[in-house]
Amino acid sequence: MSPETTPETASGTAPETRQWTPTHGDPYRPVAYRPERMPQPESLARAAELRARMDERRTVRHFSPDPVPDQVVRDAIACAATAPSGAHQQPWTFVLVKDPAVRQQIRAAAEQEEQLSYDGRLGDEWLAALRPIGTDAVKTHLTDAPALIVVFQQRYWLGPDGTKRKHYYVDESVGIAVGMLLSALHLSGLAALIHTPSPMRFLSHVLDRPENEKAFAVIPVGYPADDCEVPDLLRKSLDQVIVEV
């Protein structure tokens, strides 16, 4: 049984779904948490499998236009929304964009900003860092991919009556959620990339988002194109990224 539902009643009616409401100022109400401990051999096997599968993840910029299962994407977003957040304020909104006309509008605005960046706004050092990746101002992935997930960070809570309350550790919280989203998409057989046109203010206008939300990333989602290519890159080894004390 999901922790968000109550058991079905004797009359056979559907279970009651609990909806999140702001908890600002509420008293601490603990509940028991007793997950079953996984046997060590199973834990080792799962960790090894996960490590191998995640090592296959690549950022994809060449997408097939083939549609992807809506529920797979929705489940991946639901996984991302389980991320830890500052004071459990969950300061994120995921806008799923499938409408071709809206995706075209986003691409046109993004390419306008990207062209300015590649024409000099980025600076020589940043352009040199991007050279091995093979990117430019043309962003075909924004219209080739059958779906975009535009992630917004909620800088503060905005109530229906205009009440505002500060959110804490917003960048960190949303960044963790996006990492979990990429993992969930990959483990579900889909490809994605993080696209961050700068500045991104146009996304709030195109998607009609409220004043408390700020665009964080655009994530095209789909299957790799049949002729997909990726840069020949090498990840750091474990001993290059871990320090044991």
C-alpha atoms as a PDB file:
ATOM      1  CA  MET A   1       0.000   0.000   0.000  1.00  0.00           C
ATOM      2  CA  SER A   2       1.299   3.434  -0.862  1.00  0.00           C
ATOM      3  CA  PRO A   3       2.020   5.701   2.131  1.00  0.00           C
ATOM      4  CA  GLU A   4      -0.008   8.388   0.354  1.00  0.00           C
ATOM      5  CA  THR A   5      -3.265   6.392   0.446  1.00  0.00           C
ATOM      6  CA  THR A   6      -5.495   4.930   3.090  1.00  0.00           C
ATOM      7  CA  PRO A   7      -6.875   1.350   2.914  1.00  0.00           C
ATOM      8  CA  GLU A   8      -9.961   0.698   0.861  1.00  0.00           C
ATOM      9  CA  THR A   9     -13.096   0.944   2.943  1.00  0.00           C
ATOM     10  CA  ALA A  10     -15.369  -2.037   3.637  1.00  0.00           C
ATOM     11  CA  SER A  11     -17.912  -0.601   1.212  1.00  0.00           C
ATOM     12  CA  GLY A  12     -15.391  -0.964  -1.612  1.00  0.00           C
ATOM     13  CA  THR A  13     -14.946   2.766  -2.240  1.00  0.00           C
ATOM     14  CA  ALA A  14     -11.658   4.004  -3.626  1.00  0.00           C
ATOM     15  CA  PRO A  15      -8.912   4.809  -1.126  1.00  0.00           C
ATOM     16  CA  GLU A  16      -8.576   8.400   0.019  1.00  0.00           C
ATOM     17  CA  THR A  17      -5.569  10.209  -1.442  1.00  0.00           C
ATOM     18  CA  ARG A  18      -3.671  12.549   0.840  1.00  0.00           C
ATOM     19  CA  GLN A  19      -2.745  15.824  -0.815  1.00  0.00           C
ATOM     20  CA  TRP A  20       0.321  17.795   0.218  1.00  0.00           C
ATOM     21  CA  THR A  21      -0.345  21.097   1.948  1.00  0.00           C
ATOM     22  CA  PRO A  22       2.197  23.599   3.294  1.00  0.00           C
ATOM     23  CA  THR A  23       3.666  22.515   6.643  1.00  0.00           C
ATOM     24  CA  HIS A  24       5.269  25.829   7.602  1.00  0.00           C
ATOM     25  CA  GLY A  25       5.025  26.191  11.381  1.00  0.00           C
ATOM     26  CA  ASP A  26       3.419  22.786  11.956  1.00  0.00           C
ATOM     27  CA  PRO A  27       4.602  20.751  14.960  1.00  0.00           C
ATOM     28  CA  TYR A  28       6.971  17.826  14.512  1.00  0.00           C
ATOM     29  CA  ARG A  29       4.956  14.630  13.977  1.00  0.00           C
ATOM     30  CA  PRO A  30       7.240  11.601  13.625  1.00  0.00           C
ATOM     31  CA  VAL A  31       6.162   8.250  12.230  1.00  0.00           C
ATOM     32  CA  ALA A  32       7.976   4.923  12.450  1.00  0.00           C
ATOM     33  CA  TYR A  33      10.383   4.021   9.641  1.00  0.00           C
ATOM     34  CA  ARG A  34      11.474   0.383   9.658  1.00  0.00           C
ATOM     35  CA  PRO A  35      12.576  -0.673   6.173  1.00  0.00           C
ATOM     36  CA  GLU A  36      13.633  -4.279   5.830  1.00  0.00           C
ATOM     37  CA  ARG A  37      17.407  -4.564   5.717  1.00  0.00           C
ATOM     38  CA  MET A  38      18.588  -5.957   2.391  1.00  0.00           C
ATOM     39  CA  PRO A  39      20.829  -9.031   2.600  1.00  0.00           C
ATOM     40  CA  GLN A  40      24.424  -8.110   1.838  1.00  0.00           C
ATOM     41  CA  PRO A  41      24.800 -10.341  -1.251  1.00  0.00           C
ATOM     42  CA  GLU A  42      21.691  -8.783  -2.792  1.00  0.00           C
ATOM     43  CA  SER A  43      22.921  -5.298  -1.900  1.00  0.00           C
ATOM     44  CA  LEU A  44      26.292  -5.957  -3.547  1.00  0.00           C
ATOM     45  CA  ALA A  45      24.631  -7.360  -6.673  1.00  0.00           C
ATOM     46  CA  ARG A  46      22.225  -4.430  -6.994  1.00  0.00           C
ATOM     47  CA  ALA A  47      24.984  -1.873  -6.492  1.00  0.00           C
ATOM     48  CA  ALA A  48      27.158  -3.499  -9.150  1.00  0.00           C
ATOM     49  CA  GLU A  49      24.262  -3.656 -11.608  1.00  0.00           C
ATOM     50  CA  LEU A  50      23.310  -0.040 -10.971  1.00  0.00           C
ATOM     51  CA  ARG A  51      26.913   1.102 -11.395  1.00  0.00           C
ATOM     52  CA  ALA A  52      27.185  -0.735 -14.724  1.00  0.00           C
ATOM     53  CA  ARG A  53      23.852   0.574 -16.026  1.00  0.00           C
ATOM     54  CA  MET A  54      24.544   4.172 -15.029  1.00  0.00           C
ATOM     55  CA  ASP A  55      27.974   4.008 -16.675  1.00  0.00           C
ATOM     56  CA  GLU A  56      26.089   3.448 -19.953  1.00  0.00           C
ATOM     57  CA  ARG A  57      24.237   6.762 -19.603  1.00  0.00           C
ATOM     58  CA  ARG A  58      25.172   9.358 -22.192  1.00  0.00           C
ATOM     59  CA  THR A  59      23.957  12.851 -22.932  1.00  0.00           C
ATOM     60  CA  VAL A  60      22.148  12.635 -26.268  1.00  0.00           C
ATOM     61  CA  ARG A  61      21.637  15.509 -28.705  1.00  0.00           C
ATOM     62  CA  HIS A  62      20.302  13.524 -31.670  1.00  0.00           C
ATOM     63  CA  PHE A  63      16.805  12.246 -30.999  1.00  0.00           C
ATOM     64  CA  SER A  64      14.333  10.101 -32.872  1.00  0.00           C
ATOM     65  CA  PRO A  65      10.905  11.747 -33.272  1.00  0.00           C
ATOM     66  CA  ASP A  66       9.261   8.461 -32.201  1.00  0.00           C
ATOM     67  CA  PRO A  67       6.839   8.995 -29.303  1.00  0.00           C
ATOM     68  CA  VAL A  68       7.726   7.711 -25.855  1.00  0.00           C
ATOM     69  CA  PRO A  69       5.285   6.183 -23.343  1.00  0.00           C
ATOM     70  CA  ASP A  70       3.694   9.006 -21.370  1.00  0.00           C
ATOM     71  CA  GLN A  71       3.562   6.947 -18.201  1.00  0.00           C
ATOM     72  CA  VAL A  72       7.305   6.246 -18.296  1.00  0.00           C
ATOM     73  CA  VAL A  73       8.008   9.979 -18.338  1.00  0.00           C
ATOM     74  CA  ARG A  74       5.428  10.667 -15.646  1.00  0.00           C
ATOM     75  CA  ASP A  75       6.893   7.928 -13.445  1.00  0.00           C
ATOM     76  CA  ALA A  76      10.384   9.370 -13.919  1.00  0.00           C
ATOM     77  CA  ILE A  77       9.106  12.793 -12.834  1.00  0.00           C
ATOM     78  CA  ALA A  78       7.424  11.155  -9.834  1.00  0.00           C
ATOM     79  CA  CYS A  79      10.783   9.585  -8.933  1.00  0.00           C
ATOM     80  CA  ALA A  80      12.474  12.989  -9.204  1.00  0.00           C
ATOM     81  CA  ALA A  81       9.843  14.464  -6.897  1.00  0.00           C
ATOM     82  CA  THR A  82      10.935  12.076  -4.126  1.00  0.00           C
ATOM     83  CA  ALA A  83      14.249  13.958  -3.852  1.00  0.00           C
ATOM     84  CA  PRO A  84      15.245  15.412  -0.495  1.00  0.00           C
ATOM     85  CA  SER A  85      14.744  19.160  -0.183  1.00  0.00           C
ATOM     86  CA  GLY A  86      15.458  21.920   2.293  1.00  0.00           C
ATOM     87  CA  ALA A  87      12.837  21.762   5.094  1.00  0.00           C
ATOM     88  CA  HIS A  88      10.924  19.357   2.819  1.00  0.00           C
ATOM     89  CA  GLN A  89       9.598  22.342   0.869  1.00  0.00           C
ATOM     90  CA  GLN A  90       9.889  20.513  -2.480  1.00  0.00           C
ATOM     91  CA  PRO A  91      10.624  23.713  -4.435  1.00  0.00           C
ATOM     92  CA  TRP A  92      10.188  22.346  -7.956  1.00  0.00           C
ATOM     93  CA  THR A  93       7.761  22.298 -10.849  1.00  0.00           C
ATOM     94  CA  PHE A  94       8.165  19.978 -13.856  1.00  0.00           C
ATOM     95  CA  VAL A  95       6.448  21.236 -17.006  1.00  0.00           C
ATOM     96  CA  LEU A  96       6.012  18.433 -19.554  1.00  0.00           C
ATOM     97  CA  VAL A  97       5.890  19.948 -23.038  1.00  0.00           C
ATOM     98  CA  LYS A  98       4.706  17.747 -25.914  1.00  0.00           C
ATOM     99  CA  ASP A  99       2.950  20.321 -28.117  1.00  0.00           C
ATOM    100  CA  PRO A 100       5.120  20.706 -31.287  1.00  0.00           C
ATOM    101  CA  ALA A 101       4.238  24.384 -31.651  1.00  0.00           C
ATOM    102  CA  VAL A 102       5.341  25.174 -28.092  1.00  0.00           C
ATOM    103  CA  ARG A 103       8.553  23.180 -28.536  1.00  0.00           C
ATOM    104  CA  GLN A 104       9.249  25.151 -31.722  1.00  0.00           C
ATOM    105  CA  GLN A 105       8.675  28.394 -29.846  1.00  0.00           C
ATOM    106  CA  ILE A 106      11.108  27.303 -27.119  1.00  0.00           C
ATOM    107  CA  ARG A 107      13.714  26.301 -29.705  1.00  0.00           C
ATOM    108  CA  ALA A 108      13.474  29.628 -31.567  1.00  0.00           C
ATOM    109  CA  ALA A 109      13.950  31.626 -28.367  1.00  0.00           C
ATOM    110  CA  ALA A 110      16.736  29.355 -27.118  1.00  0.00           C
ATOM    111  CA  GLU A 111      18.667  29.532 -30.392  1.00  0.00           C
ATOM    112  CA  GLN A 112      18.446  33.315 -30.377  1.00  0.00           C
ATOM    113  CA  GLU A 113      20.119  33.402 -26.953  1.00  0.00           C
ATOM    114  CA  GLU A 114      22.595  30.669 -27.865  1.00  0.00           C
ATOM    115  CA  GLN A 115      23.711  32.503 -31.001  1.00  0.00           C
ATOM    116  CA  LEU A 116      24.592  35.555 -28.930  1.00  0.00           C
ATOM    117  CA  SER A 117      26.518  33.325 -26.550  1.00  0.00           C
ATOM    118  CA  TYR A 118      28.509  31.532 -29.245  1.00  0.00           C
ATOM    119  CA  ASP A 119      29.183  34.838 -31.011  1.00  0.00           C
ATOM    120  CA  GLY A 120      31.155  36.052 -28.008  1.00  0.00           C
ATOM    121  CA  ARG A 121      29.025  36.308 -24.888  1.00  0.00           C
ATOM    122  CA  LEU A 122      30.426  33.031 -23.531  1.00  0.00           C
ATOM    123  CA  GLY A 123      34.065  34.113 -23.771  1.00  0.00           C
ATOM    124  CA  ASP A 124      37.024  32.238 -25.244  1.00  0.00           C
ATOM    125  CA  GLU A 125      37.689  30.063 -22.196  1.00  0.00           C
ATOM    126  CA  TRP A 126      34.144  28.678 -22.085  1.00  0.00           C
ATOM    127  CA  LEU A 127      34.073  28.134 -25.847  1.00  0.00           C
ATOM    128  CA  ALA A 128      37.346  26.201 -25.592  1.00  0.00           C
ATOM    129  CA  ALA A 129      35.850  24.014 -22.856  1.00  0.00           C
ATOM    130  CA  LEU A 130      32.843  23.264 -25.091  1.00  0.00           C
ATOM    131  CA  ARG A 131      34.887  22.390 -28.190  1.00  0.00           C
ATOM    132  CA  PRO A 132      35.363  18.666 -27.335  1.00  0.00           C
ATOM    133  CA  ILE A 133      31.597  18.362 -26.821  1.00  0.00           C
ATOM    134  CA  GLY A 134      30.850  19.519 -30.384  1.00  0.00           C
ATOM    135  CA  THR A 135      27.977  21.886 -29.551  1.00  0.00           C
ATOM    136  CA  ASP A 136      26.874  25.026 -31.362  1.00  0.00           C
ATOM    137  CA  ALA A 137      23.936  27.431 -31.407  1.00  0.00           C
ATOM    138  CA  VAL A 138      21.662  25.073 -33.364  1.00  0.00           C
ATOM    139  CA  LYS A 139      19.458  23.115 -30.955  1.00  0.00           C
ATOM    140  CA  THR A 140      17.593  20.565 -33.055  1.00  0.00           C
ATOM    141  CA  HIS A 141      17.033  18.397 -29.969  1.00  0.00           C
ATOM    142  CA  LEU A 142      14.417  20.861 -28.728  1.00  0.00           C
ATOM    143  CA  THR A 143      12.087  19.978 -31.601  1.00  0.00           C
ATOM    144  CA  ASP A 144      13.299  16.500 -32.591  1.00  0.00           C
ATOM    145  CA  ALA A 145      12.721  14.997 -29.148  1.00  0.00           C
ATOM    146  CA  PRO A 146       9.021  14.153 -28.654  1.00  0.00           C
ATOM    147  CA  ALA A 147       8.933  15.722 -25.204  1.00  0.00           C
ATOM    148  CA  LEU A 148      10.636  18.386 -23.134  1.00  0.00           C
ATOM    149  CA  ILE A 149      10.661  18.550 -19.358  1.00  0.00           C
ATOM    150  CA  VAL A 150      11.219  22.147 -18.308  1.00  0.00           C
ATOM    151  CA  VAL A 151      12.228  22.244 -14.663  1.00  0.00           C
ATOM    152  CA  PHE A 152      11.414  25.349 -12.645  1.00  0.00           C
ATOM    153  CA  GLN A 153      12.668  26.165  -9.172  1.00  0.00           C
ATOM    154  CA  GLN A 154      10.193  27.764  -6.806  1.00  0.00           C
ATOM    155  CA  ARG A 155      12.167  30.550  -5.170  1.00  0.00           C
ATOM    156  CA  TYR A 156       9.439  30.976  -2.570  1.00  0.00           C
ATOM    157  CA  TRP A 157       6.047  29.485  -1.761  1.00  0.00           C
ATOM    158  CA  LEU A 158       3.175  31.499  -3.196  1.00  0.00           C
ATOM    159  CA  GLY A 159      -0.258  30.885  -1.730  1.00  0.00           C
ATOM    160  CA  PRO A 160      -3.574  31.404  -3.536  1.00  0.00           C
ATOM    161  CA  ASP A 161      -4.098  34.600  -1.522  1.00  0.00           C
ATOM    162  CA  GLY A 162      -0.653  35.968  -2.435  1.00  0.00           C
ATOM    163  CA  THR A 163       1.043  34.884   0.807  1.00  0.00           C
ATOM    164  CA  LYS A 164       4.780  34.355   0.341  1.00  0.00           C
ATOM    165  CA  ARG A 165       7.149  32.186   2.377  1.00  0.00           C
ATOM    166  CA  LYS A 166      10.843  31.759   1.742  1.00  0.00           C
ATOM    167  CA  HIS A 167      12.187  28.451   0.439  1.00  0.00           C
ATOM    168  CA  TYR A 168      15.598  27.207   1.598  1.00  0.00           C
ATOM    169  CA  TYR A 169      18.408  25.459  -0.316  1.00  0.00           C
ATOM    170  CA  VAL A 170      16.464  25.775  -3.545  1.00  0.00           C
ATOM    171  CA  ASP A 171      19.399  25.294  -5.955  1.00  0.00           C
ATOM    172  CA  GLU A 172      20.641  22.256  -4.079  1.00  0.00           C
ATOM    173  CA  SER A 173      17.176  20.694  -3.790  1.00  0.00           C
ATOM    174  CA  VAL A 174      16.260  21.147  -7.450  1.00  0.00           C
ATOM    175  CA  GLY A 175      19.706  20.004  -8.580  1.00  0.00           C
ATOM    176  CA  ILE A 176      19.297  16.726  -6.674  1.00  0.00           C
ATOM    177  CA  ALA A 177      15.825  16.243  -8.169  1.00  0.00           C
ATOM    178  CA  VAL A 178      17.148  16.769 -11.695  1.00  0.00           C
ATOM    179  CA  GLY A 179      19.903  14.220 -11.106  1.00  0.00           C
ATOM    180  CA  MET A 180      17.325  11.708  -9.953  1.00  0.00           C
ATOM    181  CA  LEU A 181      15.185  12.531 -12.996  1.00  0.00           C
ATOM    182  CA  LEU A 182      18.050  11.818 -15.399  1.00  0.00           C
ATOM    183  CA  SER A 183      18.763   8.537 -13.619  1.00  0.00           C
ATOM    184  CA  ALA A 184      15.124   7.468 -13.715  1.00  0.00           C
ATOM    185  CA  LEU A 185      14.814   8.276 -17.419  1.00  0.00           C
ATOM    186  CA  HIS A 186      17.990   6.367 -18.272  1.00  0.00           C
ATOM    187  CA  LEU A 187      17.060   3.323 -16.198  1.00  0.00           C
ATOM    188  CA  SER A 188      13.662   3.325 -17.949  1.00  0.00           C
ATOM    189  CA  GLY A 189      15.282   3.123 -21.386  1.00  0.00           C
ATOM    190  CA  LEU A 190      15.034   6.778 -22.435  1.00  0.00           C
ATOM    191  CA  ALA A 191      17.706   9.297 -23.378  1.00  0.00           C
ATOM    192  CA  ALA A 192      17.934  12.894 -22.205  1.00  0.00           C
ATOM    193  CA  LEU A 193      20.187  15.888 -21.877  1.00  0.00           C
ATOM    194  CA  ILE A 194      20.415  18.990 -19.726  1.00  0.00           C
ATOM    195  CA  HIS A 195      19.994  22.166 -21.770  1.00  0.00           C
ATOM    196  CA  THR A 196      20.423  25.516 -20.039  1.00  0.00           C
ATOM    197  CA  PRO A 197      20.078  28.398 -22.485  1.00  0.00           C
ATOM    198  CA  SER A 198      21.265  31.598 -20.868  1.00  0.00           C
ATOM    199  CA  PRO A 199      19.357  33.646 -19.966  1.00  0.00           C
ATOM    200  CA  MET A 200      16.230  31.479 -19.571  1.00  0.00           C
ATOM    201  CA  ARG A 201      13.660  34.125 -18.695  1.00  0.00           C
ATOM    202  CA  PHE A 202      11.777  33.449 -21.934  1.00  0.00           C
ATOM    203  CA  LEU A 203      10.673  30.058 -20.594  1.00  0.00           C
ATOM    204  CA  SER A 204       8.542  31.644 -17.884  1.00  0.00           C
ATOM    205  CA  HIS A 205       6.781  33.705 -20.543  1.00  0.00           C
ATOM    206  CA  VAL A 206       6.306  30.895 -23.065  1.00  0.00           C
ATOM    207  CA  LEU A 207       4.989  28.477 -20.418  1.00  0.00           C
ATOM    208  CA  ASP A 208       3.044  31.082 -18.431  1.00  0.00           C
ATOM    209  CA  ARG A 209       4.661  30.284 -15.090  1.00  0.00           C
ATOM    210  CA  PRO A 210       3.904  32.256 -11.892  1.00  0.00           C
ATOM    211  CA  GLU A 211       6.171  34.926 -10.451  1.00  0.00           C
ATOM    212  CA  ASN A 212       7.766  32.641  -7.832  1.00  0.00           C
ATOM    213  CA  GLU A 213       9.171  30.216 -10.413  1.00  0.00           C
ATOM    214  CA  LYS A 214      12.491  30.512 -12.223  1.00  0.00           C
ATOM    215  CA  ALA A 215      13.600  28.223 -15.049  1.00  0.00           C
ATOM    216  CA  PHE A 216      16.341  25.796 -14.014  1.00  0.00           C
ATOM    217  CA  ALA A 217      16.823  23.485 -17.018  1.00  0.00           C
ATOM    218  CA  VAL A 218      15.256  22.185 -20.215  1.00  0.00           C
ATOM    219  CA  ILE A 219      15.471  18.392 -20.589  1.00  0.00           C
ATOM    220  CA  PRO A 220      14.631  16.883 -23.984  1.00  0.00           C
ATOM    221  CA  VAL A 221      13.469  13.269 -23.608  1.00  0.00           C
ATOM    222  CA  GLY A 222      13.181  10.499 -26.171  1.00  0.00           C
ATOM    223  CA  TYR A 223      14.976   7.667 -27.932  1.00  0.00           C
ATOM    224  CA  PRO A 224      18.356   8.223 -29.602  1.00  0.00           C
ATOM    225  CA  ALA A 225      18.151   8.689 -33.367  1.00  0.00           C
ATOM    226  CA  ASP A 226      19.251   5.759 -35.515  1.00  0.00           C
ATOM    227  CA  ASP A 227      22.334   7.762 -36.573  1.00  0.00           C
ATOM    228  CA  CYS A 228      22.978   9.217 -33.112  1.00  0.00           C
ATOM    229  CA  GLU A 229      26.556  10.160 -32.286  1.00  0.00           C
ATOM    230  CA  VAL A 230      28.062  11.261 -28.972  1.00  0.00           C
ATOM    231  CA  PRO A 231      31.481  12.732 -28.130  1.00  0.00           C
ATOM    232  CA  ASP A 232      34.306  10.283 -27.447  1.00  0.00           C
ATOM    233  CA  LEU A 233      34.656  11.177 -23.779  1.00  0.00           C
ATOM    234  CA  LEU A 234      36.196   9.405 -20.803  1.00  0.00           C
ATOM    235  CA  ARG A 235      34.801   9.542 -17.280  1.00  0.00           C
ATOM    236  CA  LYS A 236      37.108   9.923 -14.308  1.00  0.00           C
ATOM    237  CA  SER A 237      37.886   6.642 -12.577  1.00  0.00           C
ATOM    238  CA  LEU A 238      36.641   5.974  -9.061  1.00  0.00           C
ATOM    239  CA  ASP A 239      40.051   6.639  -7.540  1.00  0.00           C
ATOM    240  CA  GLN A 240      40.061  10.070  -9.221  1.00  0.00           C
ATOM    241  CA  VAL A 241      36.807  11.156  -7.592  1.00  0.00           C
ATOM    242  CA  ILE A 242      36.788   9.475  -4.167  1.00  0.00           C
ATOM    243  CA  VAL A 243      38.692  10.420  -1.027  1.00  0.00           C
ATOM    244  CA  GLU A 244      38.429   8.004   1.877  1.00  0.00           C
ATOM    245  CA  VAL A 245      39.289   9.281   5.353  1.00  0.00           C
END
